[in-house]
Amino acid sequence: MDSLLFTISAFIIALGVLITVHEFGHFWVARRLGVKVLRFSIGFGKPLWKRTGRVDDTEYVVAAIPLGGYVKMLDEREAPVASAEQHRAFNRQSLPVRSAIVVAGPLFNFLFAILAFWLIFVSGDTGLKPLIGEVAEGSLAQQAGFVSGEEIIAVGERQTPTWESGVYALLSESLDQSDLPIRVRDAEGRETIHWLRTEGIQDMAEDGQLLQNLGLTPKRPVLPPVIGGLLPGEPAELAGLQTGDRLLRVDGKPLQSWPEWVDYVRERPGQSMQIEIDRGGESLKLVLTPKAIDSQGKQIGRIGASVQVPPNLMQEYQAEIRYGPMAAVGQSLHKTWDLSLLMLKMLGKMLVGEVSVKNLSGPISIADSAGKSASYGFTYFLKFLAVVSISLGVLNLLPIPVLDGGHLFFFLIEAVKGSPLSEKFMEQGQKIGMLILLAIMGLAFYVDLNRFLG
């Protein structure tokens, strides 16, 4: 229950931040260009909070349904406007002014992403080096020649200092190439190139398991089975285990890692085990009986012991990406542009059927990602906000009536035609746009349900 509340809270915070950024773009530019703003609303429906500002008596509202927002401007098409204020009505503005106000929303989403990435790059972004652990038998990765212990240096022309950058590069580069060159370095420092077939890679990523579907398992540090802490009165302490003991064998089976030991204990609730340990160079044998506890409807074993984590365990596996303030500006612009382009390409390939619509993310997936990223820490949550902000910017620029891109499309027709479009034409366009938007939202929700219900 606590986890669900945390996820919902993170989702609402994310929506609130990104909607505010988008609508503030419209609001700020409208004000600067002399258009009167009547209401700035975050959310739809019944107002939960309302305040009247000093400038123009603008209403600032937080409403009950946090799935969007709007900026209501003075407009003669919606209500009569006093002659003294007609020059401040949105519909009276020139085409460039109206276009600037409309495009400001998506533009502020992109600016937010650039700022977020800049903060991450300046403060330092830590990730796992793209070291290969295992290569699955018969997989695409094995067919391409990948072997355990190699480090991926570059995918196509993109450098890959972390697994995150590697996965992104695989998705981006595979959209334009049928065979993808991937440069790797082995344990001896020798570099070589593997050619990976890219057919179907986007569909492999639809469940968030691209590496596993390719047959690649990231190399992870081996956590040795050494006791780091004991809970008083629990089976481990009662059996005579002490901090610093290294587990050698259990029921005659050699132990190589702590996860292996944990799995063995969990599978044997209430069953006595013969364990052999090393304590200061001396080999000792003990009898240990895990306590049976309930977990998610079944019984598992627990002994009340934690692992001893060696100092600098992750040092070999981690990479830090950090830039100076000026260099970070260029990197942030480049990353925002790259992600925007990738999203546009993916949408285009979905339309022509080259990429599965299962790559769509609806509110359930976004909420789940919000909760997970927030639980990992501020940097991860900020990165999540930046990516979703870019996707909002891209989607809002699509030429679908109702969206900002639809308004811009109407303005383009007006510029070519030389006169404003008729009210009837725009009304019909809005209806069609609403149907398209509802269809996309319904499809995304359906994909979400399939994804989470299997």
Protein backbone atom coordinates (compact mmCIF):
# COMPACT_ATOMS: atom_id res chain seq x y z
CA MET A 1 0.00 0.00 0.00
CA ASP A 2 2.83 2.39 0.90
CA SER A 3 4.52 1.58 -2.42
CA LEU A 4 1.32 2.35 -4.35
CA LEU A 5 0.87 5.67 -2.54
CA PHE A 6 4.50 6.56 -3.27
CA THR A 7 4.04 5.74 -6.97
CA ILE A 8 0.82 7.78 -7.22
CA SER A 9 2.47 10.71 -5.40
CA ALA A 10 5.51 10.63 -7.71
CA PHE A 11 3.20 10.47 -10.75
CA ILE A 12 1.15 13.47 -9.59
CA ILE A 13 4.30 15.47 -8.82
CA ALA A 14 5.73 14.65 -12.26
CA LEU A 15 2.50 15.63 -14.01
CA GLY A 16 2.23 18.82 -11.96
CA VAL A 17 5.78 19.90 -12.80
CA LEU A 18 5.57 19.15 -16.52
CA ILE A 19 2.08 20.57 -17.05
CA THR A 20 3.09 23.74 -15.19
CA VAL A 21 6.19 24.10 -17.37
CA HIS A 22 4.16 23.65 -20.57
CA GLU A 23 1.34 26.01 -19.64
CA PHE A 24 3.74 28.58 -18.22
CA GLY A 25 5.33 28.74 -21.67
CA HIS A 26 2.00 29.78 -23.22
CA PHE A 27 1.27 32.13 -20.30
CA TRP A 28 4.66 33.88 -20.22
CA VAL A 29 4.91 34.50 -23.96
CA ALA A 30 1.26 35.66 -24.18
CA ARG A 31 1.89 38.20 -21.42
CA ARG A 32 5.12 39.42 -23.04
CA LEU A 33 3.38 39.89 -26.39
CA GLY A 34 0.51 41.89 -24.92
CA VAL A 35 -2.27 39.28 -24.84
CA LYS A 36 -4.51 39.29 -21.77
CA VAL A 37 -4.59 36.02 -19.82
CA LEU A 38 -7.85 35.30 -18.01
CA ARG A 39 -6.98 31.99 -16.36
CA PHE A 40 -3.91 29.81 -15.74
CA SER A 41 -5.13 26.33 -14.73
CA ILE A 42 -3.19 23.23 -13.72
CA GLY A 43 -5.66 20.38 -14.07
CA PHE A 44 -9.27 20.23 -15.22
CA GLY A 45 -12.61 20.13 -13.46
CA LYS A 46 -13.51 21.47 -10.04
CA PRO A 47 -10.99 24.00 -8.64
CA LEU A 48 -9.21 22.82 -5.48
CA TRP A 49 -7.35 26.10 -5.07
CA LYS A 50 -7.91 29.48 -6.68
CA ARG A 51 -6.26 32.87 -6.43
CA THR A 52 -6.71 36.14 -8.36
CA GLY A 53 -3.52 37.86 -9.42
CA ARG A 54 -2.78 41.56 -9.32
CA VAL A 55 -2.03 41.81 -13.03
CA ASP A 56 -5.18 41.71 -15.22
CA ASP A 57 -7.06 39.90 -12.42
CA THR A 58 -5.80 36.62 -13.86
CA GLU A 59 -7.20 33.54 -12.09
CA TYR A 60 -4.63 30.99 -10.98
CA VAL A 61 -6.25 27.58 -10.45
CA VAL A 62 -5.27 24.09 -9.33
CA ALA A 63 -8.08 21.74 -10.38
CA ALA A 64 -9.14 18.23 -9.36
CA ILE A 65 -8.14 16.23 -12.48
CA PRO A 66 -4.32 16.45 -12.88
CA LEU A 67 -4.19 15.18 -16.47
CA GLY A 68 -3.49 18.47 -18.23
CA GLY A 69 -3.96 22.19 -17.97
CA TYR A 70 -4.80 25.26 -20.00
CA VAL A 71 -4.25 28.99 -20.38
CA LYS A 72 -7.42 30.89 -21.18
CA MET A 73 -6.80 34.14 -23.05
CA LEU A 74 -9.05 37.01 -24.02
CA ASP A 75 -10.70 35.96 -27.30
CA GLU A 76 -13.66 37.41 -29.19
CA ARG A 77 -14.59 33.95 -30.48
CA GLU A 78 -15.41 32.83 -26.93
CA ALA A 79 -17.06 35.91 -25.41
CA PRO A 80 -17.72 39.58 -26.22
CA VAL A 81 -14.69 41.82 -25.61
CA ALA A 82 -14.88 45.49 -24.63
CA SER A 83 -13.65 47.77 -27.39
CA ALA A 84 -10.95 49.18 -25.07
CA GLU A 85 -9.38 45.69 -24.76
CA GLN A 86 -9.88 44.31 -28.26
CA HIS A 87 -6.23 44.97 -29.09
CA ARG A 88 -5.31 42.49 -26.32
CA ALA A 89 -7.50 39.65 -27.63
CA PHE A 90 -5.70 36.55 -28.95
CA ASN A 91 -7.73 36.42 -32.16
CA ARG A 92 -6.73 40.02 -33.01
CA GLN A 93 -3.01 39.26 -32.98
CA SER A 94 -0.86 38.81 -36.06
CA LEU A 95 0.00 35.30 -37.28
CA PRO A 96 3.61 35.42 -35.94
CA VAL A 97 2.38 36.50 -32.48
CA ARG A 98 -0.27 33.76 -32.29
CA SER A 99 2.24 31.20 -33.54
CA ALA A 100 4.80 32.27 -30.92
CA ILE A 101 2.25 31.88 -28.11
CA VAL A 102 1.19 28.42 -29.30
CA VAL A 103 4.72 27.07 -29.86
CA ALA A 104 5.88 28.38 -26.47
CA GLY A 105 4.32 25.45 -24.57
CA PRO A 106 6.29 22.68 -26.31
CA LEU A 107 9.35 24.93 -26.45
CA PHE A 108 9.34 25.29 -22.66
CA ASN A 109 9.14 21.48 -22.36
CA PHE A 110 12.32 21.22 -24.41
CA LEU A 111 13.98 24.01 -22.39
CA PHE A 112 13.09 22.19 -19.16
CA ALA A 113 14.74 19.01 -20.49
CA ILE A 114 17.87 20.95 -21.50
CA LEU A 115 18.08 22.51 -18.02
CA ALA A 116 17.52 19.13 -16.33
CA PHE A 117 20.24 17.42 -18.38
CA TRP A 118 22.57 20.37 -17.75
CA LEU A 119 22.13 19.98 -13.97
CA ILE A 120 22.76 16.23 -14.25
CA PHE A 121 25.90 16.66 -16.39
CA VAL A 122 27.34 19.40 -14.16
CA SER A 123 26.71 17.51 -10.91
CA GLY A 124 27.87 14.21 -12.43
CA ASP A 125 25.87 11.25 -13.71
CA THR A 126 26.97 7.81 -12.51
CA GLY A 127 26.15 4.64 -14.43
CA LEU A 128 27.33 1.09 -14.96
CA LYS A 129 30.06 0.49 -17.53
CA PRO A 130 28.80 -1.58 -20.49
CA LEU A 131 30.70 -4.72 -19.46
CA ILE A 132 29.27 -7.98 -20.81
CA GLY A 133 28.67 -10.73 -18.27
CA GLU A 134 27.02 -13.61 -20.12
CA VAL A 135 26.00 -14.13 -23.74
CA ALA A 136 22.97 -16.38 -24.25
CA GLU A 137 23.37 -19.46 -26.42
CA GLY A 138 21.92 -18.99 -29.91
CA SER A 139 21.07 -15.32 -29.32
CA LEU A 140 21.57 -12.42 -31.75
CA ALA A 141 24.47 -11.27 -29.57
CA GLN A 142 26.22 -14.64 -29.86
CA GLN A 143 25.63 -14.72 -33.61
CA ALA A 144 27.29 -11.30 -33.84
CA GLY A 145 30.35 -12.62 -31.98
CA PHE A 146 29.99 -11.04 -28.53
CA VAL A 147 31.78 -12.87 -25.70
CA SER A 148 31.78 -12.54 -21.93
CA GLY A 149 34.16 -9.94 -20.49
CA GLU A 150 34.06 -7.51 -23.40
CA GLU A 151 33.26 -3.82 -22.90
CA ILE A 152 31.11 -1.98 -25.45
CA ILE A 153 32.96 1.20 -26.44
CA ALA A 154 30.75 2.56 -29.22
CA VAL A 155 27.56 1.75 -31.11
CA GLY A 156 27.83 3.13 -34.63
CA GLU A 157 29.33 6.59 -34.17
CA ARG A 158 28.07 6.99 -30.60
CA GLN A 159 30.37 6.56 -27.61
CA THR A 160 28.91 4.39 -24.86
CA PRO A 161 30.45 5.09 -21.43
CA THR A 162 27.46 3.47 -19.63
CA TRP A 163 24.86 0.80 -20.26
CA GLU A 164 22.21 3.54 -20.38
CA SER A 165 23.97 5.29 -23.25
CA GLY A 166 24.55 1.91 -24.90
CA VAL A 167 20.86 0.95 -24.89
CA TYR A 168 19.86 4.38 -26.20
CA ALA A 169 22.49 4.15 -28.96
CA LEU A 170 21.25 0.67 -29.96
CA LEU A 171 17.69 1.96 -30.31
CA SER A 172 18.66 5.16 -32.13
CA GLU A 173 21.25 3.76 -34.54
CA SER A 174 19.22 0.65 -35.40
CA LEU A 175 16.43 2.82 -36.88
CA ASP A 176 18.66 3.78 -39.79
CA GLN A 177 20.92 0.73 -40.29
CA SER A 178 20.23 -2.94 -41.02
CA ASP A 179 23.61 -4.08 -39.69
CA LEU A 180 25.06 -2.11 -36.82
CA PRO A 181 28.82 -1.91 -36.10
CA ILE A 182 29.54 -2.20 -32.38
CA ARG A 183 33.10 -1.59 -31.18
CA VAL A 184 34.21 -3.59 -28.15
CA ARG A 185 37.35 -3.97 -26.04
CA ASP A 186 38.37 -7.27 -24.45
CA ALA A 187 40.09 -7.81 -21.09
CA GLU A 188 43.53 -7.51 -22.74
CA GLY A 189 42.68 -4.13 -24.27
CA ARG A 190 42.28 -5.37 -27.85
CA GLU A 191 39.52 -3.66 -29.84
CA THR A 192 37.32 -5.25 -32.46
CA ILE A 193 33.97 -4.65 -34.20
CA HIS A 194 30.93 -6.92 -34.04
CA TRP A 195 28.14 -6.50 -36.60
CA LEU A 196 24.68 -6.84 -35.05
CA ARG A 197 21.55 -7.47 -37.11
CA THR A 198 19.06 -4.74 -36.18
CA GLU A 199 15.85 -6.22 -37.59
CA GLY A 200 13.22 -6.21 -34.84
CA ILE A 201 15.38 -4.48 -32.21
CA GLN A 202 12.68 -1.88 -31.47
CA ASP A 203 10.16 -4.64 -30.77
CA MET A 204 12.67 -6.31 -28.45
CA ALA A 205 12.68 -3.12 -26.36
CA GLU A 206 8.92 -2.95 -25.87
CA ASP A 207 9.07 -4.75 -22.49
CA GLY A 208 12.11 -2.82 -21.29
CA GLN A 209 14.30 -5.92 -21.67
CA LEU A 210 16.30 -5.07 -24.80
CA LEU A 211 19.63 -6.43 -23.54
CA GLN A 212 18.12 -9.69 -22.32
CA ASN A 213 16.24 -10.15 -25.60
CA LEU A 214 19.46 -9.60 -27.53
CA GLY A 215 21.13 -12.20 -25.31
CA LEU A 216 23.38 -9.85 -23.32
CA THR A 217 23.63 -9.86 -19.53
CA PRO A 218 25.51 -6.95 -17.93
CA LYS A 219 28.50 -8.00 -15.87
CA ARG A 220 27.90 -7.45 -12.19
CA PRO A 221 30.23 -7.62 -9.19
CA VAL A 222 30.28 -10.87 -7.26
CA LEU A 223 29.23 -10.26 -3.67
CA PRO A 224 31.15 -12.79 -1.54
CA PRO A 225 29.15 -14.78 1.07
CA VAL A 226 30.53 -12.98 4.14
CA ILE A 227 28.41 -12.11 7.19
CA GLY A 228 28.24 -8.34 7.69
CA GLY A 229 25.62 -8.03 10.43
CA LEU A 230 23.36 -10.13 12.69
CA LEU A 231 19.95 -9.52 14.21
CA PRO A 232 19.77 -10.43 17.93
CA GLY A 233 17.76 -13.55 18.67
CA GLU A 234 17.53 -14.62 15.02
CA PRO A 235 18.64 -18.08 13.71
CA ALA A 236 22.03 -16.87 12.42
CA GLU A 237 23.10 -15.52 15.80
CA LEU A 238 21.63 -18.49 17.70
CA ALA A 239 23.57 -20.91 15.45
CA GLY A 240 26.84 -19.21 16.41
CA LEU A 241 27.59 -17.18 13.30
CA GLN A 242 29.64 -14.01 13.77
CA THR A 243 30.33 -10.87 11.77
CA GLY A 244 33.17 -11.52 9.31
CA ASP A 245 32.46 -15.26 8.91
CA ARG A 246 32.85 -16.44 5.32
CA LEU A 247 30.43 -19.14 4.23
CA LEU A 248 32.30 -21.91 2.43
CA ARG A 249 29.76 -24.71 1.99
CA VAL A 250 26.15 -25.53 2.78
CA ASP A 251 25.09 -29.19 2.91
CA GLY A 252 28.36 -30.00 1.16
CA LYS A 253 27.72 -27.57 -1.73
CA PRO A 254 30.38 -24.86 -2.29
CA LEU A 255 29.12 -21.27 -2.09
CA GLN A 256 30.44 -18.66 -4.52
CA SER A 257 28.27 -15.60 -3.85
CA TRP A 258 25.86 -14.05 -1.35
CA PRO A 259 22.80 -14.18 -3.72
CA GLU A 260 23.39 -17.93 -4.10
CA TRP A 261 23.33 -18.26 -0.29
CA VAL A 262 20.18 -16.12 0.03
CA ASP A 263 18.32 -18.25 -2.54
CA TYR A 264 19.35 -21.43 -0.73
CA VAL A 265 18.09 -20.12 2.63
CA ARG A 266 14.79 -18.77 1.25
CA GLU A 267 13.96 -22.14 -0.32
CA ARG A 268 14.39 -24.05 2.99
CA PRO A 269 12.14 -22.58 5.69
CA GLY A 270 12.35 -24.63 8.89
CA GLN A 271 14.92 -27.07 7.43
CA SER A 272 18.25 -27.70 9.20
CA MET A 273 21.37 -27.03 7.14
CA GLN A 274 24.97 -28.06 7.69
CA ILE A 275 27.21 -25.07 7.00
CA GLU A 276 30.99 -24.76 6.87
CA ILE A 277 32.55 -21.37 7.54
CA ASP A 278 35.97 -19.74 7.59
CA ARG A 279 36.60 -17.65 10.71
CA GLY A 280 40.01 -16.02 10.80
CA GLY A 281 41.61 -18.86 8.83
CA GLU A 282 39.98 -21.59 10.89
CA SER A 283 37.33 -23.87 9.36
CA LEU A 284 34.22 -24.45 11.52
CA LYS A 285 31.01 -26.43 11.04
CA LEU A 286 27.63 -25.25 12.33
CA VAL A 287 23.97 -26.27 12.12
CA LEU A 288 21.56 -23.56 11.02
CA THR A 289 17.75 -23.71 10.75
CA PRO A 290 16.10 -20.79 8.90
CA LYS A 291 12.95 -19.35 10.43
CA ALA A 292 9.80 -19.79 8.32
CA ILE A 293 8.07 -16.49 7.51
CA ASP A 294 5.17 -15.57 5.20
CA SER A 295 5.99 -13.55 2.08
CA GLN A 296 3.43 -12.83 -0.64
CA GLY A 297 1.33 -15.87 0.21
CA LYS A 298 4.11 -18.42 0.61
CA GLN A 299 6.65 -19.39 3.26
CA ILE A 300 10.32 -18.57 2.86
CA GLY A 301 13.38 -19.03 5.06
CA ARG A 302 15.09 -16.20 6.96
CA ILE A 303 18.12 -16.25 9.26
CA GLY A 304 18.51 -12.57 10.25
CA ALA A 305 21.91 -11.86 8.71
CA SER A 306 23.15 -9.22 6.27
CA VAL A 307 26.06 -9.24 3.86
CA GLN A 308 29.42 -7.56 4.28
CA VAL A 309 30.00 -5.30 1.28
CA PRO A 310 33.70 -5.00 0.38
CA PRO A 311 34.99 -1.42 0.05
CA ASN A 312 35.21 -0.15 -3.56
CA LEU A 313 33.18 -3.15 -4.77
CA MET A 314 31.52 -1.08 -7.53
CA GLN A 315 34.52 1.02 -8.50
CA GLU A 316 35.51 -1.29 -11.36
CA TYR A 317 31.98 -1.31 -12.74
CA GLN A 318 31.01 2.35 -12.49
CA ALA A 319 31.56 5.26 -14.86
CA GLU A 320 30.91 8.92 -14.10
CA ILE A 321 29.89 11.39 -16.78
CA ARG A 322 30.64 14.96 -15.76
CA TYR A 323 31.17 18.18 -17.74
CA GLY A 324 32.02 21.78 -16.95
CA PRO A 325 29.18 24.33 -17.06
CA MET A 326 29.85 25.44 -20.65
CA ALA A 327 30.51 21.97 -22.07
CA ALA A 328 27.35 20.73 -20.32
CA VAL A 329 25.24 23.21 -22.33
CA GLY A 330 26.31 21.61 -25.62
CA GLN A 331 25.85 18.09 -24.26
CA SER A 332 22.37 18.94 -22.94
CA LEU A 333 21.29 20.44 -26.26
CA HIS A 334 22.67 17.41 -28.12
CA LYS A 335 20.94 14.89 -25.84
CA THR A 336 17.59 16.72 -26.02
CA TRP A 337 17.80 16.91 -29.82
CA ASP A 338 18.78 13.23 -30.10
CA LEU A 339 15.92 12.05 -27.88
CA SER A 340 13.43 14.25 -29.75
CA LEU A 341 14.59 12.83 -33.07
CA LEU A 342 14.43 9.26 -31.75
CA MET A 343 10.84 9.75 -30.56
CA LEU A 344 9.81 11.23 -33.91
CA LYS A 345 11.41 8.34 -35.80
CA MET A 346 9.72 5.78 -33.57
CA LEU A 347 6.32 7.43 -34.05
CA GLY A 348 6.86 7.53 -37.81
CA LYS A 349 7.77 3.84 -37.95
CA MET A 350 4.73 2.98 -35.80
CA LEU A 351 2.49 4.74 -38.35
CA VAL A 352 3.87 2.65 -41.23
CA GLY A 353 3.88 -0.56 -39.19
CA GLU A 354 7.65 -1.01 -38.99
CA VAL A 355 7.64 -0.69 -35.18
CA SER A 356 5.08 -2.25 -32.85
CA VAL A 357 2.59 0.03 -31.07
CA LYS A 358 3.53 -1.94 -27.95
CA ASN A 359 6.35 0.59 -27.57
CA LEU A 360 3.72 3.17 -26.57
CA SER A 361 3.54 4.13 -22.90
CA GLY A 362 0.26 5.07 -21.27
CA PRO A 363 -0.54 6.52 -17.84
CA ILE A 364 0.04 3.21 -16.03
CA SER A 365 3.56 2.78 -17.46
CA ILE A 366 4.41 6.43 -16.87
CA ALA A 367 3.17 6.25 -13.27
CA ASP A 368 5.17 3.07 -12.68
CA SER A 369 8.32 4.69 -14.10
CA ALA A 370 7.73 7.81 -12.01
CA GLY A 371 7.57 5.74 -8.83
CA LYS A 372 10.62 3.65 -9.68
CA SER A 373 12.79 6.61 -10.73
CA ALA A 374 11.79 8.59 -7.62
CA SER A 375 12.71 5.62 -5.40
CA TYR A 376 16.19 5.50 -6.97
CA GLY A 377 16.94 9.14 -6.09
CA PHE A 378 16.62 12.72 -7.27
CA THR A 379 18.98 12.39 -10.26
CA TYR A 380 17.00 9.46 -11.68
CA PHE A 381 13.69 11.26 -11.13
CA LEU A 382 15.05 14.40 -12.81
CA LYS A 383 16.21 12.30 -15.76
CA PHE A 384 12.72 10.75 -15.97
CA LEU A 385 11.13 14.23 -15.94
CA ALA A 386 13.45 15.36 -18.74
CA VAL A 387 12.57 12.40 -20.98
CA VAL A 388 8.81 12.75 -20.39
CA SER A 389 9.06 16.52 -20.94
CA ILE A 390 10.66 15.88 -24.33
CA SER A 391 7.93 13.39 -25.24
CA LEU A 392 5.27 15.98 -24.28
CA GLY A 393 7.00 18.56 -26.44
CA VAL A 394 7.19 16.20 -29.41
CA LEU A 395 3.60 14.95 -29.08
CA ASN A 396 2.19 18.46 -28.72
CA LEU A 397 3.87 19.51 -31.97
CA LEU A 398 2.18 16.77 -33.98
CA PRO A 399 -0.25 18.30 -36.54
CA ILE A 400 -3.35 17.02 -34.77
CA PRO A 401 -6.15 19.54 -34.14
CA VAL A 402 -6.64 20.17 -30.40
CA LEU A 403 -2.86 19.91 -29.85
CA ASP A 404 -0.48 22.85 -30.27
CA GLY A 405 0.80 21.33 -33.51
CA GLY A 406 -2.76 21.32 -34.85
CA HIS A 407 -3.12 25.05 -34.18
CA LEU A 408 0.20 25.67 -35.92
CA PHE A 409 -1.03 23.61 -38.88
CA PHE A 410 -4.16 25.77 -39.08
CA PHE A 411 -1.95 28.88 -38.96
CA LEU A 412 0.10 27.49 -41.85
CA ILE A 413 -3.04 27.00 -43.92
CA GLU A 414 -4.10 30.55 -43.00
CA ALA A 415 -0.73 31.90 -44.15
CA VAL A 416 -1.00 30.07 -47.50
CA LYS A 417 -4.68 30.99 -47.92
CA GLY A 418 -4.12 34.63 -46.97
CA SER A 419 -7.12 34.84 -44.65
CA PRO A 420 -8.35 33.24 -41.39
CA LEU A 421 -10.05 29.85 -41.57
CA SER A 422 -13.80 29.68 -41.06
CA GLU A 423 -15.19 28.90 -37.61
CA LYS A 424 -16.98 25.84 -39.02
CA PHE A 425 -13.80 24.42 -40.55
CA MET A 426 -11.89 24.84 -37.30
CA GLU A 427 -14.74 23.35 -35.27
CA GLN A 428 -14.83 20.24 -37.48
CA GLY A 429 -11.06 20.00 -37.25
CA GLN A 430 -11.23 20.12 -33.45
CA LYS A 431 -13.75 17.26 -33.42
CA ILE A 432 -11.57 15.13 -35.68
CA GLY A 433 -8.51 15.96 -33.55
CA MET A 434 -10.35 14.98 -30.38
CA LEU A 435 -11.29 11.61 -31.89
CA ILE A 436 -7.69 10.98 -32.97
CA LEU A 437 -6.41 11.94 -29.52
CA LEU A 438 -8.95 9.70 -27.76
CA ALA A 439 -8.00 6.81 -30.07
CA ILE A 440 -4.27 7.25 -29.28
CA MET A 441 -4.98 7.49 -25.53
CA GLY A 442 -7.21 4.41 -25.68
CA LEU A 443 -4.55 2.45 -27.55
CA ALA A 444 -1.84 3.48 -25.07
CA PHE A 445 -4.08 2.50 -22.15
CA TYR A 446 -4.84 -0.87 -23.80
CA VAL A 447 -1.11 -1.53 -24.33
CA ASP A 448 -0.50 -0.61 -20.69
CA LEU A 449 -3.12 -3.06 -19.43
CA ASN A 450 -1.73 -5.84 -21.64
CA ARG A 451 1.78 -5.09 -20.40
CA PHE A 452 0.86 -5.18 -16.70
CA LEU A 453 -1.72 -7.99 -16.86
CA GLY A 454 0.37 -10.16 -19.17
